[in-house]
Amino acid sequence: MPVDAFVTGVIETSLNALLKDDEASQRRLARLKGKVIGVTINEFGKQLYFIFSQQIDVLGAYEGEIDCELALNLSVLPELRQQANLTQLIKADKLSLDGDIQLAQQFSALLSGLKPDFEEKLSQYTGDIVAHTLVSGAKQGARFIQQGVAKRQRDLAEVITEEWRLAPQALEIAYFADQVDDLKMDVARCEARLNRLMEQAPR
């Protein structure tokens, strides 16, 4: 199976599974019925086509007319879930939009309503207590990893500035800036003195 087909299949199955149990999302989907939205992820140069009917079909290629096209970086995807962010993203050149902005807003509203409840899904197989324990443990693990990454970044910054001396420390930068200011003042004084001497010199 080609990679594109696998990726589109996973996205399509995931979206439709989330839509299935949510009446509010079904209503949002109804507003998009018959529309086609193309989304390009800049890092991959790949375009995905979202075709809306009773469900969402996701394709890697589409020959028909596209109602709205979006192009964005992967890092912007989470922000797309916030409908209010669309115009800000466009103004900041983080999102390129060609077509009906209202359609893009409806797409954003649909995505923002898809909030998977992993604990509830898991409880159907493991029971409430085990599901809660596993999800809580996963959240704590994610927080621990984030804290670990942040600490490693701080440690690396310290090594680069203090041990390897590859980058100046904040105090060194401030001292250098003070020296530059002093030099500017000295040059200005010399220039003023030179101008006075030139004025006093016999012509």
C-alpha atoms as a PDB file:
ATOM      1  CA  MET A   1       0.000   0.000   0.000  1.00  0.00           C
ATOM      2  CA  PRO A   2       1.466   3.423  -0.960  1.00  0.00           C
ATOM      3  CA  VAL A   3       2.410   5.704   1.931  1.00  0.00           C
ATOM      4  CA  ASP A   4      -0.036   8.412   0.777  1.00  0.00           C
ATOM      5  CA  ALA A   5      -2.940   5.972   0.805  1.00  0.00           C
ATOM      6  CA  PHE A   6      -1.965   4.767   4.272  1.00  0.00           C
ATOM      7  CA  VAL A   7      -1.749   8.328   5.667  1.00  0.00           C
ATOM      8  CA  THR A   8      -5.047   9.465   4.120  1.00  0.00           C
ATOM      9  CA  GLY A   9      -6.705   6.262   5.338  1.00  0.00           C
ATOM     10  CA  VAL A  10      -5.548   6.808   8.920  1.00  0.00           C
ATOM     11  CA  ILE A  11      -6.680  10.464   8.919  1.00  0.00           C
ATOM     12  CA  GLU A  12     -10.040   9.602   7.352  1.00  0.00           C
ATOM     13  CA  THR A  13     -10.748   6.719   9.752  1.00  0.00           C
ATOM     14  CA  SER A  14      -9.740   8.786  12.800  1.00  0.00           C
ATOM     15  CA  LEU A  15     -11.873  11.801  11.851  1.00  0.00           C
ATOM     16  CA  ASN A  16     -14.955   9.736  11.057  1.00  0.00           C
ATOM     17  CA  ALA A  17     -14.601   7.739  14.289  1.00  0.00           C
ATOM     18  CA  LEU A  18     -14.571  11.010  16.267  1.00  0.00           C
ATOM     19  CA  LEU A  19     -17.536  12.394  14.311  1.00  0.00           C
ATOM     20  CA  LYS A  20     -19.609   9.263  14.788  1.00  0.00           C
ATOM     21  CA  ASP A  21     -20.333   9.754  18.502  1.00  0.00           C
ATOM     22  CA  ASP A  22     -20.711  13.547  18.560  1.00  0.00           C
ATOM     23  CA  GLU A  23     -24.036  15.107  17.514  1.00  0.00           C
ATOM     24  CA  ALA A  24     -22.646  18.663  17.574  1.00  0.00           C
ATOM     25  CA  SER A  25     -19.865  17.656  15.179  1.00  0.00           C
ATOM     26  CA  GLN A  26     -22.437  15.995  12.916  1.00  0.00           C
ATOM     27  CA  ARG A  27     -24.277  19.339  12.675  1.00  0.00           C
ATOM     28  CA  ARG A  28     -21.017  21.131  11.826  1.00  0.00           C
ATOM     29  CA  LEU A  29     -20.296  18.485   9.181  1.00  0.00           C
ATOM     30  CA  ALA A  30     -23.744  19.077   7.604  1.00  0.00           C
ATOM     31  CA  ARG A  31     -22.761  22.734   6.903  1.00  0.00           C
ATOM     32  CA  LEU A  32     -19.785  21.508   4.844  1.00  0.00           C
ATOM     33  CA  LYS A  33     -21.737  18.909   2.863  1.00  0.00           C
ATOM     34  CA  GLY A  34     -20.819  18.904  -0.849  1.00  0.00           C
ATOM     35  CA  LYS A  35     -17.687  21.028  -0.306  1.00  0.00           C
ATOM     36  CA  VAL A  36     -14.035  20.167  -1.003  1.00  0.00           C
ATOM     37  CA  ILE A  37     -11.122  21.677   0.938  1.00  0.00           C
ATOM     38  CA  GLY A  38      -7.480  21.200  -0.035  1.00  0.00           C
ATOM     39  CA  VAL A  39      -4.853  21.418   2.711  1.00  0.00           C
ATOM     40  CA  THR A  40      -1.135  21.622   1.872  1.00  0.00           C
ATOM     41  CA  ILE A  41       1.437  20.893   4.576  1.00  0.00           C
ATOM     42  CA  ASN A  42       4.413  23.014   3.502  1.00  0.00           C
ATOM     43  CA  GLU A  43       7.135  20.823   5.037  1.00  0.00           C
ATOM     44  CA  PHE A  44       6.044  17.815   2.975  1.00  0.00           C
ATOM     45  CA  GLY A  45       4.779  19.620  -0.121  1.00  0.00           C
ATOM     46  CA  LYS A  46       1.790  17.270  -0.026  1.00  0.00           C
ATOM     47  CA  GLN A  47      -1.839  18.269  -0.459  1.00  0.00           C
ATOM     48  CA  LEU A  48      -4.704  16.451   1.210  1.00  0.00           C
ATOM     49  CA  TYR A  49      -8.252  16.833  -0.041  1.00  0.00           C
ATOM     50  CA  PHE A  50     -11.144  16.735   2.423  1.00  0.00           C
ATOM     51  CA  ILE A  51     -14.457  15.881   0.735  1.00  0.00           C
ATOM     52  CA  PHE A  52     -17.532  16.368   2.897  1.00  0.00           C
ATOM     53  CA  SER A  53     -20.742  14.331   2.632  1.00  0.00           C
ATOM     54  CA  GLN A  54     -22.368  12.178   5.338  1.00  0.00           C
ATOM     55  CA  GLN A  55     -18.777  11.598   6.406  1.00  0.00           C
ATOM     56  CA  ILE A  56     -15.308  12.937   5.546  1.00  0.00           C
ATOM     57  CA  ASP A  57     -13.334  11.384   2.694  1.00  0.00           C
ATOM     58  CA  VAL A  58      -9.610  12.179   2.625  1.00  0.00           C
ATOM     59  CA  LEU A  59      -7.742  11.819  -0.671  1.00  0.00           C
ATOM     60  CA  GLY A  60      -4.166  12.393  -1.803  1.00  0.00           C
ATOM     61  CA  ALA A  61      -5.277  13.469  -5.301  1.00  0.00           C
ATOM     62  CA  TYR A  62      -8.451  15.098  -6.621  1.00  0.00           C
ATOM     63  CA  GLU A  63      -9.426  16.149 -10.148  1.00  0.00           C
ATOM     64  CA  GLY A  64     -12.593  18.146  -9.409  1.00  0.00           C
ATOM     65  CA  GLU A  65     -13.193  21.732  -8.342  1.00  0.00           C
ATOM     66  CA  ILE A  66     -11.848  22.781  -4.936  1.00  0.00           C
ATOM     67  CA  ASP A  67     -13.878  25.273  -2.894  1.00  0.00           C
ATOM     68  CA  CYS A  68     -11.094  26.362  -0.554  1.00  0.00           C
ATOM     69  CA  GLU A  69      -7.331  25.778  -0.398  1.00  0.00           C
ATOM     70  CA  LEU A  70      -5.153  26.166   2.690  1.00  0.00           C
ATOM     71  CA  ALA A  71      -1.346  26.014   2.926  1.00  0.00           C
ATOM     72  CA  LEU A  72       0.394  25.990   6.301  1.00  0.00           C
ATOM     73  CA  ASN A  73       3.298  24.606   8.301  1.00  0.00           C
ATOM     74  CA  LEU A  74       2.858  21.538  10.461  1.00  0.00           C
ATOM     75  CA  SER A  75       3.379  23.627  13.625  1.00  0.00           C
ATOM     76  CA  VAL A  76       0.318  25.754  12.754  1.00  0.00           C
ATOM     77  CA  LEU A  77      -2.089  22.793  12.645  1.00  0.00           C
ATOM     78  CA  PRO A  78      -3.036  22.951  16.372  1.00  0.00           C
ATOM     79  CA  GLU A  79      -3.853  26.677  15.985  1.00  0.00           C
ATOM     80  CA  LEU A  80      -6.196  25.870  13.103  1.00  0.00           C
ATOM     81  CA  ARG A  81      -8.539  24.319  15.666  1.00  0.00           C
ATOM     82  CA  GLN A  82      -9.179  27.787  17.089  1.00  0.00           C
ATOM     83  CA  GLN A  83     -11.557  29.525  14.699  1.00  0.00           C
ATOM     84  CA  ALA A  84     -10.616  32.972  16.029  1.00  0.00           C
ATOM     85  CA  ASN A  85      -6.974  32.402  15.026  1.00  0.00           C
ATOM     86  CA  LEU A  86      -7.628  32.151  11.270  1.00  0.00           C
ATOM     87  CA  THR A  87      -7.420  35.859  10.383  1.00  0.00           C
ATOM     88  CA  GLN A  88      -4.418  36.327  12.707  1.00  0.00           C
ATOM     89  CA  LEU A  89      -2.609  33.407  11.065  1.00  0.00           C
ATOM     90  CA  ILE A  90      -3.293  34.858   7.602  1.00  0.00           C
ATOM     91  CA  LYS A  91      -2.052  38.319   8.645  1.00  0.00           C
ATOM     92  CA  ALA A  92       1.100  36.767  10.146  1.00  0.00           C
ATOM     93  CA  ASP A  93       1.750  34.847   6.880  1.00  0.00           C
ATOM     94  CA  LYS A  94       1.498  31.562   8.762  1.00  0.00           C
ATOM     95  CA  LEU A  95      -1.525  30.500   6.724  1.00  0.00           C
ATOM     96  CA  SER A  96      -2.205  30.925   3.018  1.00  0.00           C
ATOM     97  CA  LEU A  97      -5.858  30.814   2.017  1.00  0.00           C
ATOM     98  CA  ASP A  98      -7.353  30.745  -1.459  1.00  0.00           C
ATOM     99  CA  GLY A  99     -11.142  30.596  -1.633  1.00  0.00           C
ATOM    100  CA  ASP A 100     -14.015  31.071   0.776  1.00  0.00           C
ATOM    101  CA  ILE A 101     -12.766  32.111   4.237  1.00  0.00           C
ATOM    102  CA  GLN A 102     -16.173  31.248   5.733  1.00  0.00           C
ATOM    103  CA  LEU A 103     -15.653  27.674   4.542  1.00  0.00           C
ATOM    104  CA  ALA A 104     -12.235  27.632   6.217  1.00  0.00           C
ATOM    105  CA  GLN A 105     -13.853  28.898   9.424  1.00  0.00           C
ATOM    106  CA  GLN A 106     -16.466  26.127   9.290  1.00  0.00           C
ATOM    107  CA  PHE A 107     -13.671  23.580   8.760  1.00  0.00           C
ATOM    108  CA  SER A 108     -11.828  25.049  11.739  1.00  0.00           C
ATOM    109  CA  ALA A 109     -15.016  24.858  13.845  1.00  0.00           C
ATOM    110  CA  LEU A 110     -15.433  21.198  12.868  1.00  0.00           C
ATOM    111  CA  LEU A 111     -11.870  20.391  13.914  1.00  0.00           C
ATOM    112  CA  SER A 112     -12.188  22.302  17.203  1.00  0.00           C
ATOM    113  CA  GLY A 113     -15.234  20.226  18.140  1.00  0.00           C
ATOM    114  CA  LEU A 114     -13.402  16.931  17.708  1.00  0.00           C
ATOM    115  CA  LYS A 115     -12.133  16.222  21.209  1.00  0.00           C
ATOM    116  CA  PRO A 116     -11.385  12.550  21.688  1.00  0.00           C
ATOM    117  CA  ASP A 117     -12.097  11.199  25.152  1.00  0.00           C
ATOM    118  CA  PHE A 118      -9.376   8.552  25.346  1.00  0.00           C
ATOM    119  CA  GLU A 119     -10.274   7.612  28.894  1.00  0.00           C
ATOM    120  CA  GLU A 120     -13.891   6.852  27.987  1.00  0.00           C
ATOM    121  CA  LYS A 121     -12.877   4.812  24.924  1.00  0.00           C
ATOM    122  CA  LEU A 122     -10.296   2.874  26.883  1.00  0.00           C
ATOM    123  CA  SER A 123     -12.737   2.183  29.732  1.00  0.00           C
ATOM    124  CA  GLN A 124     -14.887   0.139  27.338  1.00  0.00           C
ATOM    125  CA  TYR A 125     -12.053  -2.413  27.172  1.00  0.00           C
ATOM    126  CA  THR A 126     -10.332  -2.100  30.551  1.00  0.00           C
ATOM    127  CA  GLY A 127     -12.887  -0.689  32.996  1.00  0.00           C
ATOM    128  CA  ASP A 128     -13.055   2.804  34.518  1.00  0.00           C
ATOM    129  CA  ILE A 129     -10.345   2.459  37.179  1.00  0.00           C
ATOM    130  CA  VAL A 130      -7.703   0.957  34.879  1.00  0.00           C
ATOM    131  CA  ALA A 131      -8.512   3.468  32.101  1.00  0.00           C
ATOM    132  CA  HIS A 132      -8.248   6.413  34.520  1.00  0.00           C
ATOM    133  CA  THR A 133      -4.946   5.096  35.897  1.00  0.00           C
ATOM    134  CA  LEU A 134      -3.471   4.582  32.424  1.00  0.00           C
ATOM    135  CA  VAL A 135      -4.559   7.992  31.078  1.00  0.00           C
ATOM    136  CA  SER A 136      -3.374   9.788  34.238  1.00  0.00           C
ATOM    137  CA  GLY A 137      -0.059   7.950  34.008  1.00  0.00           C
ATOM    138  CA  ALA A 138       0.306   8.919  30.340  1.00  0.00           C
ATOM    139  CA  LYS A 139      -0.373  12.599  31.154  1.00  0.00           C
ATOM    140  CA  GLN A 140       2.165  12.541  33.987  1.00  0.00           C
ATOM    141  CA  GLY A 141       4.659  10.851  31.665  1.00  0.00           C
ATOM    142  CA  ALA A 142       4.121  13.538  29.020  1.00  0.00           C
ATOM    143  CA  ARG A 143       4.641  16.288  31.633  1.00  0.00           C
ATOM    144  CA  PHE A 144       7.797  14.548  32.876  1.00  0.00           C
ATOM    145  CA  ILE A 145       9.162  14.357  29.314  1.00  0.00           C
ATOM    146  CA  GLN A 146       8.373  18.052  28.704  1.00  0.00           C
ATOM    147  CA  GLN A 147      10.117  19.035  31.946  1.00  0.00           C
ATOM    148  CA  GLY A 148      13.088  16.847  31.004  1.00  0.00           C
ATOM    149  CA  VAL A 149      13.368  18.459  27.575  1.00  0.00           C
ATOM    150  CA  ALA A 150      13.162  21.963  29.117  1.00  0.00           C
ATOM    151  CA  LYS A 151      15.904  21.056  31.641  1.00  0.00           C
ATOM    152  CA  ARG A 152      18.133  19.663  28.872  1.00  0.00           C
ATOM    153  CA  GLN A 153      17.683  22.897  26.916  1.00  0.00           C
ATOM    154  CA  ARG A 154      18.677  24.964  29.964  1.00  0.00           C
ATOM    155  CA  ASP A 155      21.681  22.714  30.626  1.00  0.00           C
ATOM    156  CA  LEU A 156      22.808  22.956  27.001  1.00  0.00           C
ATOM    157  CA  ALA A 157      22.484  26.743  27.040  1.00  0.00           C
ATOM    158  CA  GLU A 158      24.596  26.835  30.222  1.00  0.00           C
ATOM    159  CA  VAL A 159      27.282  24.593  28.719  1.00  0.00           C
ATOM    160  CA  ILE A 160      27.424  26.651  25.510  1.00  0.00           C
ATOM    161  CA  THR A 161      27.771  29.983  27.328  1.00  0.00           C
ATOM    162  CA  GLU A 162      29.822  29.063  30.420  1.00  0.00           C
ATOM    163  CA  GLU A 163      31.925  25.993  29.615  1.00  0.00           C
ATOM    164  CA  TRP A 164      32.444  25.968  25.862  1.00  0.00           C
ATOM    165  CA  ARG A 165      32.303  29.773  25.557  1.00  0.00           C
ATOM    166  CA  LEU A 166      30.579  29.467  22.167  1.00  0.00           C
ATOM    167  CA  ALA A 167      28.105  32.198  23.060  1.00  0.00           C
ATOM    168  CA  PRO A 168      28.553  35.207  25.375  1.00  0.00           C
ATOM    169  CA  GLN A 169      26.787  35.390  28.718  1.00  0.00           C
ATOM    170  CA  ALA A 170      24.205  38.081  29.445  1.00  0.00           C
ATOM    171  CA  LEU A 171      26.645  40.058  31.625  1.00  0.00           C
ATOM    172  CA  GLU A 172      29.286  39.945  28.905  1.00  0.00           C
ATOM    173  CA  ILE A 173      26.783  41.266  26.362  1.00  0.00           C
ATOM    174  CA  ALA A 174      25.772  44.094  28.736  1.00  0.00           C
ATOM    175  CA  TYR A 175      29.459  44.969  29.401  1.00  0.00           C
ATOM    176  CA  PHE A 176      30.182  45.022  25.656  1.00  0.00           C
ATOM    177  CA  ALA A 177      27.163  47.298  25.057  1.00  0.00           C
ATOM    178  CA  ASP A 178      28.439  49.683  27.773  1.00  0.00           C
ATOM    179  CA  GLN A 179      31.865  49.763  26.122  1.00  0.00           C
ATOM    180  CA  VAL A 180      30.297  50.573  22.768  1.00  0.00           C
ATOM    181  CA  ASP A 181      28.320  53.437  24.373  1.00  0.00           C
ATOM    182  CA  ASP A 182      31.511  54.788  26.024  1.00  0.00           C
ATOM    183  CA  LEU A 183      33.325  54.624  22.695  1.00  0.00           C
ATOM    184  CA  LYS A 184      30.510  56.513  20.977  1.00  0.00           C
ATOM    185  CA  MET A 185      30.720  59.255  23.621  1.00  0.00           C
ATOM    186  CA  ASP A 186      34.530  59.478  23.242  1.00  0.00           C
ATOM    187  CA  VAL A 187      34.214  59.765  19.459  1.00  0.00           C
ATOM    188  CA  ALA A 188      31.538  62.463  19.824  1.00  0.00           C
ATOM    189  CA  ARG A 189      33.781  64.440  22.231  1.00  0.00           C
ATOM    190  CA  CYS A 190      36.787  64.133  19.883  1.00  0.00           C
ATOM    191  CA  GLU A 191      34.666  65.232  16.947  1.00  0.00           C
ATOM    192  CA  ALA A 192      33.389  68.273  18.864  1.00  0.00           C
ATOM    193  CA  ARG A 193      36.961  69.200  19.944  1.00  0.00           C
ATOM    194  CA  LEU A 194      38.213  68.806  16.374  1.00  0.00           C
ATOM    195  CA  ASN A 195      35.437  71.050  15.069  1.00  0.00           C
ATOM    196  CA  ARG A 196      36.342  73.746  17.645  1.00  0.00           C
ATOM    197  CA  LEU A 197      40.018  73.574  16.684  1.00  0.00           C
ATOM    198  CA  MET A 198      39.146  73.873  13.000  1.00  0.00           C
ATOM    199  CA  GLU A 199      37.025  76.945  13.741  1.00  0.00           C
ATOM    200  CA  GLN A 200      39.850  78.572  15.741  1.00  0.00           C
ATOM    201  CA  ALA A 201      42.530  77.830  13.146  1.00  0.00           C
ATOM    202  CA  PRO A 202      43.637  80.882  11.070  1.00  0.00           C
ATOM    203  CA  ARG A 203      42.256  80.914   7.566  1.00  0.00           C
END
